[in-house]
């Protein structure tokens, strides 16, 4: 018997490096084993609405630049999705700025 997964609260059998298949797969893909695998945009981690807006605008400008030079369908699709995500964040922040202001 190999033992149990080293992640707290997980009782699945170890697959590799002390982790079960689920947690090892998350780690292998570059996500934290204990997270859900989705990374929050940096602009949502700021404290104030203004900091979030500035961060989202900066990220949007960067995403548009990279999208313009991206080669291949997969890369362009990835950056197009990032652009849409940041545009949505900015739309959601506008009502919050009005309410705060």
N, C-alpha and C. Protein backbone atom coordinates (compact mmCIF):
# COMPACT_ATOMS: atom_id res chain seq x y z
N UNK A 1 0.84 -1.18 0.00
CA UNK A 1 0.00 0.00 0.00
C UNK A 1 0.89 1.24 0.00
N UNK A 2 0.57 2.21 -0.85
CA UNK A 2 1.39 3.41 -1.02
C UNK A 2 1.15 4.46 0.05
N UNK A 3 -0.01 4.54 0.62
CA UNK A 3 -0.31 5.57 1.61
C UNK A 3 -1.37 6.53 1.10
N UNK A 4 -1.60 7.55 1.89
CA UNK A 4 -2.63 8.54 1.58
C UNK A 4 -2.00 9.83 1.05
N UNK A 5 -2.76 10.58 0.30
CA UNK A 5 -2.34 11.86 -0.27
C UNK A 5 -1.91 12.81 0.86
N UNK A 6 -0.86 13.58 0.60
CA UNK A 6 -0.34 14.50 1.63
C UNK A 6 -1.14 15.80 1.74
N UNK A 7 -2.06 16.06 0.83
CA UNK A 7 -2.91 17.26 0.92
C UNK A 7 -3.88 17.10 2.09
N UNK A 8 -4.03 18.16 2.86
CA UNK A 8 -4.92 18.09 4.01
C UNK A 8 -6.36 17.87 3.54
N UNK A 9 -7.04 16.97 4.21
CA UNK A 9 -8.43 16.66 3.90
C UNK A 9 -8.62 15.66 2.78
N UNK A 10 -7.55 15.17 2.18
CA UNK A 10 -7.66 14.20 1.08
C UNK A 10 -7.22 12.83 1.59
N UNK A 11 -8.07 11.85 1.36
CA UNK A 11 -7.74 10.50 1.82
C UNK A 11 -7.52 9.54 0.65
N UNK A 12 -7.33 10.08 -0.54
CA UNK A 12 -7.09 9.23 -1.71
C UNK A 12 -5.70 8.61 -1.66
N UNK A 13 -5.53 7.53 -2.39
CA UNK A 13 -4.26 6.81 -2.41
C UNK A 13 -3.21 7.62 -3.20
N UNK A 14 -1.97 7.56 -2.75
CA UNK A 14 -0.87 8.27 -3.39
C UNK A 14 -0.65 7.76 -4.80
N UNK A 15 -0.46 8.69 -5.72
CA UNK A 15 -0.17 8.37 -7.12
C UNK A 15 1.31 8.63 -7.42
N UNK A 16 1.79 9.84 -7.06
CA UNK A 16 3.19 10.21 -7.29
C UNK A 16 3.56 11.36 -6.36
N UNK A 17 4.82 11.36 -5.93
CA UNK A 17 5.37 12.45 -5.10
C UNK A 17 4.49 12.80 -3.91
N UNK A 18 3.88 11.80 -3.30
CA UNK A 18 3.09 12.00 -2.10
C UNK A 18 1.70 12.56 -2.34
N UNK A 19 1.28 12.67 -3.60
CA UNK A 19 -0.02 13.24 -3.94
C UNK A 19 -0.88 12.22 -4.69
N UNK A 20 -2.20 12.36 -4.55
CA UNK A 20 -3.12 11.51 -5.32
C UNK A 20 -3.14 11.99 -6.77
N UNK A 21 -3.86 11.30 -7.64
CA UNK A 21 -3.90 11.66 -9.06
C UNK A 21 -4.43 13.09 -9.27
N UNK A 22 -5.46 13.46 -8.54
CA UNK A 22 -6.06 14.79 -8.70
C UNK A 22 -5.08 15.89 -8.33
N UNK A 23 -4.49 15.79 -7.14
CA UNK A 23 -3.59 16.84 -6.67
C UNK A 23 -2.27 16.84 -7.44
N UNK A 24 -1.79 15.67 -7.82
CA UNK A 24 -0.57 15.60 -8.63
C UNK A 24 -0.81 16.23 -10.00
N UNK A 25 -1.97 15.97 -10.59
CA UNK A 25 -2.30 16.55 -11.89
C UNK A 25 -2.34 18.06 -11.83
N UNK A 26 -2.91 18.61 -10.77
CA UNK A 26 -2.95 20.06 -10.61
C UNK A 26 -1.54 20.62 -10.51
N UNK A 27 -0.70 19.96 -9.71
CA UNK A 27 0.67 20.43 -9.53
C UNK A 27 1.44 20.31 -10.85
N UNK A 28 1.24 19.23 -11.58
CA UNK A 28 1.92 19.00 -12.84
C UNK A 28 1.56 20.08 -13.86
N UNK A 29 0.31 20.54 -13.83
CA UNK A 29 -0.14 21.59 -14.75
C UNK A 29 0.28 22.99 -14.29
N UNK A 30 0.95 23.10 -13.15
CA UNK A 30 1.45 24.38 -12.68
C UNK A 30 0.50 25.13 -11.77
N UNK A 31 -0.56 24.47 -11.31
CA UNK A 31 -1.52 25.09 -10.40
C UNK A 31 -1.22 24.61 -8.98
N UNK A 32 -1.61 25.38 -7.99
CA UNK A 32 -1.41 24.89 -6.62
C UNK A 32 -2.25 23.65 -6.38
N UNK A 33 -1.68 22.59 -5.79
CA UNK A 33 -2.43 21.35 -5.58
C UNK A 33 -3.68 21.54 -4.75
N UNK A 34 -3.67 22.52 -3.84
CA UNK A 34 -4.83 22.69 -2.96
C UNK A 34 -5.86 23.66 -3.53
N UNK A 35 -5.56 24.30 -4.68
CA UNK A 35 -6.49 25.25 -5.28
C UNK A 35 -7.41 24.58 -6.27
N UNK A 36 -8.26 25.36 -6.89
CA UNK A 36 -9.17 24.79 -7.87
C UNK A 36 -8.60 24.86 -9.27
N UNK A 37 -7.38 25.31 -9.39
CA UNK A 37 -6.73 25.32 -10.68
C UNK A 37 -6.95 26.59 -11.48
N UNK A 38 -7.82 27.47 -11.02
CA UNK A 38 -8.07 28.72 -11.72
C UNK A 38 -7.35 29.84 -10.99
N UNK A 39 -6.69 30.66 -11.73
CA UNK A 39 -5.95 31.77 -11.15
C UNK A 39 -6.78 33.04 -11.29
N UNK A 40 -6.90 33.77 -10.20
CA UNK A 40 -7.64 35.03 -10.25
C UNK A 40 -6.79 36.07 -10.98
N UNK A 41 -7.41 36.90 -11.80
CA UNK A 41 -6.64 37.97 -12.43
C UNK A 41 -6.03 38.87 -11.37
N UNK A 42 -4.81 39.34 -11.62
CA UNK A 42 -4.12 40.21 -10.67
C UNK A 42 -4.94 41.43 -10.31
N UNK A 43 -5.74 41.90 -11.26
CA UNK A 43 -6.51 43.13 -11.01
C UNK A 43 -7.60 42.91 -9.97
N UNK A 44 -7.95 41.67 -9.66
CA UNK A 44 -8.95 41.41 -8.63
C UNK A 44 -8.34 41.25 -7.25
N UNK A 45 -7.00 41.25 -7.18
CA UNK A 45 -6.33 41.06 -5.90
C UNK A 45 -5.95 42.38 -5.24
N UNK A 46 -6.16 43.49 -5.92
CA UNK A 46 -5.84 44.81 -5.36
C UNK A 46 -6.87 45.19 -4.30
N UNK A 47 -6.51 46.15 -3.45
CA UNK A 47 -7.36 46.54 -2.33
C UNK A 47 -8.47 47.51 -2.71
N UNK A 48 -8.15 48.52 -3.50
CA UNK A 48 -9.14 49.54 -3.79
C UNK A 48 -9.66 49.41 -5.22
N UNK A 49 -10.80 50.02 -5.47
CA UNK A 49 -11.39 49.99 -6.81
C UNK A 49 -10.45 50.67 -7.80
N UNK A 50 -9.84 51.77 -7.40
CA UNK A 50 -8.93 52.49 -8.29
C UNK A 50 -7.72 51.62 -8.64
N UNK A 51 -7.14 50.93 -7.66
CA UNK A 51 -6.00 50.04 -7.94
C UNK A 51 -6.42 48.92 -8.87
N UNK A 52 -7.61 48.38 -8.68
CA UNK A 52 -8.11 47.32 -9.56
C UNK A 52 -8.28 47.82 -10.98
N UNK A 53 -8.83 49.03 -11.12
CA UNK A 53 -9.04 49.60 -12.45
C UNK A 53 -7.70 49.82 -13.16
N UNK A 54 -6.74 50.41 -12.46
CA UNK A 54 -5.43 50.67 -13.05
C UNK A 54 -4.76 49.36 -13.45
N UNK A 55 -4.83 48.37 -12.58
CA UNK A 55 -4.23 47.06 -12.87
C UNK A 55 -4.90 46.40 -14.07
N UNK A 56 -6.22 46.49 -14.14
CA UNK A 56 -6.96 45.89 -15.27
C UNK A 56 -6.61 46.61 -16.56
N UNK A 57 -6.51 47.92 -16.54
CA UNK A 57 -6.16 48.68 -17.75
C UNK A 57 -4.75 48.34 -18.22
N UNK A 58 -3.83 48.20 -17.26
CA UNK A 58 -2.46 47.83 -17.59
C UNK A 58 -2.42 46.43 -18.22
N UNK A 59 -3.14 45.50 -17.60
CA UNK A 59 -3.19 44.14 -18.13
C UNK A 59 -3.85 44.08 -19.50
N UNK A 60 -4.88 44.90 -19.71
CA UNK A 60 -5.57 44.93 -21.00
C UNK A 60 -4.65 45.46 -22.09
N UNK A 61 -3.89 46.51 -21.78
CA UNK A 61 -2.94 47.05 -22.76
C UNK A 61 -1.88 46.01 -23.12
N UNK A 62 -1.39 45.31 -22.12
CA UNK A 62 -0.40 44.26 -22.36
C UNK A 62 -0.99 43.13 -23.19
N UNK A 63 -2.20 42.69 -22.86
CA UNK A 63 -2.85 41.60 -23.59
C UNK A 63 -3.09 41.98 -25.04
N UNK A 64 -3.50 43.22 -25.28
CA UNK A 64 -3.72 43.67 -26.67
C UNK A 64 -2.41 43.70 -27.45
N UNK A 65 -1.32 44.10 -26.79
CA UNK A 65 -0.02 44.13 -27.45
C UNK A 65 0.43 42.71 -27.82
N UNK A 66 0.32 41.80 -26.87
CA UNK A 66 0.74 40.42 -27.11
C UNK A 66 -0.15 39.78 -28.18
N UNK A 67 -1.45 40.07 -28.12
CA UNK A 67 -2.38 39.52 -29.12
C UNK A 67 -1.98 39.97 -30.52
N UNK A 68 -1.52 41.20 -30.64
CA UNK A 68 -1.13 41.73 -31.94
C UNK A 68 0.07 41.04 -32.55
N UNK A 69 0.93 40.46 -31.72
CA UNK A 69 2.13 39.80 -32.24
C UNK A 69 2.09 38.28 -32.06
N UNK A 70 1.02 37.77 -31.47
CA UNK A 70 0.92 36.33 -31.23
C UNK A 70 0.83 35.57 -32.55
N UNK A 71 1.50 34.44 -32.59
CA UNK A 71 1.52 33.61 -33.79
C UNK A 71 0.74 32.34 -33.51
N UNK A 72 -0.13 31.98 -34.39
CA UNK A 72 -0.88 30.74 -34.27
C UNK A 72 -2.25 30.94 -33.65
N UNK A 73 -3.14 30.07 -34.04
CA UNK A 73 -4.52 30.16 -33.58
C UNK A 73 -4.64 30.00 -32.07
N UNK A 74 -3.92 29.03 -31.51
CA UNK A 74 -4.01 28.77 -30.08
C UNK A 74 -3.56 29.97 -29.25
N UNK A 75 -2.47 30.59 -29.64
CA UNK A 75 -1.96 31.75 -28.90
C UNK A 75 -2.91 32.94 -29.03
N UNK A 76 -3.42 33.17 -30.22
CA UNK A 76 -4.33 34.30 -30.42
C UNK A 76 -5.64 34.07 -29.68
N UNK A 77 -6.12 32.84 -29.66
CA UNK A 77 -7.35 32.51 -28.93
C UNK A 77 -7.15 32.75 -27.44
N UNK A 78 -6.01 32.34 -26.91
CA UNK A 78 -5.70 32.54 -25.49
C UNK A 78 -5.74 34.03 -25.15
N UNK A 79 -5.06 34.85 -25.94
CA UNK A 79 -4.99 36.28 -25.63
C UNK A 79 -6.31 36.99 -25.90
N UNK A 80 -7.08 36.53 -26.88
CA UNK A 80 -8.39 37.11 -27.11
C UNK A 80 -9.28 36.87 -25.90
N UNK A 81 -9.20 35.67 -25.32
CA UNK A 81 -9.95 35.37 -24.09
C UNK A 81 -9.51 36.24 -22.93
N UNK A 82 -8.22 36.48 -22.81
CA UNK A 82 -7.71 37.34 -21.73
C UNK A 82 -8.20 38.77 -21.90
N UNK A 83 -8.23 39.25 -23.15
CA UNK A 83 -8.74 40.59 -23.42
C UNK A 83 -10.20 40.70 -23.01
N UNK A 84 -11.01 39.73 -23.39
CA UNK A 84 -12.43 39.74 -23.03
C UNK A 84 -12.62 39.70 -21.51
N UNK A 85 -11.81 38.89 -20.84
CA UNK A 85 -11.89 38.78 -19.39
C UNK A 85 -11.60 40.13 -18.72
N UNK A 86 -10.56 40.82 -19.18
CA UNK A 86 -10.20 42.10 -18.59
C UNK A 86 -11.21 43.20 -18.94
N UNK A 87 -11.76 43.15 -20.14
CA UNK A 87 -12.81 44.11 -20.49
C UNK A 87 -14.02 43.93 -19.59
N UNK A 88 -14.36 42.68 -19.28
CA UNK A 88 -15.47 42.40 -18.39
C UNK A 88 -15.18 42.91 -16.97
N UNK A 89 -13.95 42.73 -16.50
CA UNK A 89 -13.55 43.23 -15.19
C UNK A 89 -13.73 44.75 -15.14
N UNK A 90 -13.30 45.44 -16.19
CA UNK A 90 -13.43 46.89 -16.23
C UNK A 90 -14.90 47.32 -16.25
N UNK A 91 -15.74 46.59 -16.96
CA UNK A 91 -17.17 46.90 -16.97
C UNK A 91 -17.77 46.75 -15.58
N UNK A 92 -17.35 45.73 -14.87
CA UNK A 92 -17.87 45.49 -13.52
C UNK A 92 -17.36 46.53 -12.54
N UNK A 93 -16.18 47.07 -12.77
CA UNK A 93 -15.62 48.06 -11.86
C UNK A 93 -16.25 49.44 -12.02
N UNK A 94 -16.77 49.75 -13.19
CA UNK A 94 -17.37 51.08 -13.42
C UNK A 94 -18.49 51.39 -12.43
N UNK A 95 -19.47 50.51 -12.21
CA UNK A 95 -20.52 50.82 -11.21
C UNK A 95 -19.96 50.96 -9.80
N UNK A 96 -18.92 50.19 -9.49
CA UNK A 96 -18.32 50.27 -8.15
C UNK A 96 -17.63 51.63 -7.96
N UNK A 97 -17.01 52.16 -9.01
CA UNK A 97 -16.36 53.47 -8.92
C UNK A 97 -17.40 54.57 -8.72
N UNK A 98 -18.52 54.46 -9.41
CA UNK A 98 -19.59 55.46 -9.28
C UNK A 98 -20.14 55.45 -7.88
N UNK A 99 -20.38 54.26 -7.33
CA UNK A 99 -20.92 54.13 -5.97
C UNK A 99 -19.93 54.63 -4.92
N UNK A 100 -18.62 54.38 -5.14
CA UNK A 100 -17.60 54.77 -4.18
C UNK A 100 -17.31 56.27 -4.27
N UNK A 101 -17.48 56.84 -5.48
CA UNK A 101 -17.11 58.23 -5.71
C UNK A 101 -18.14 59.16 -5.22
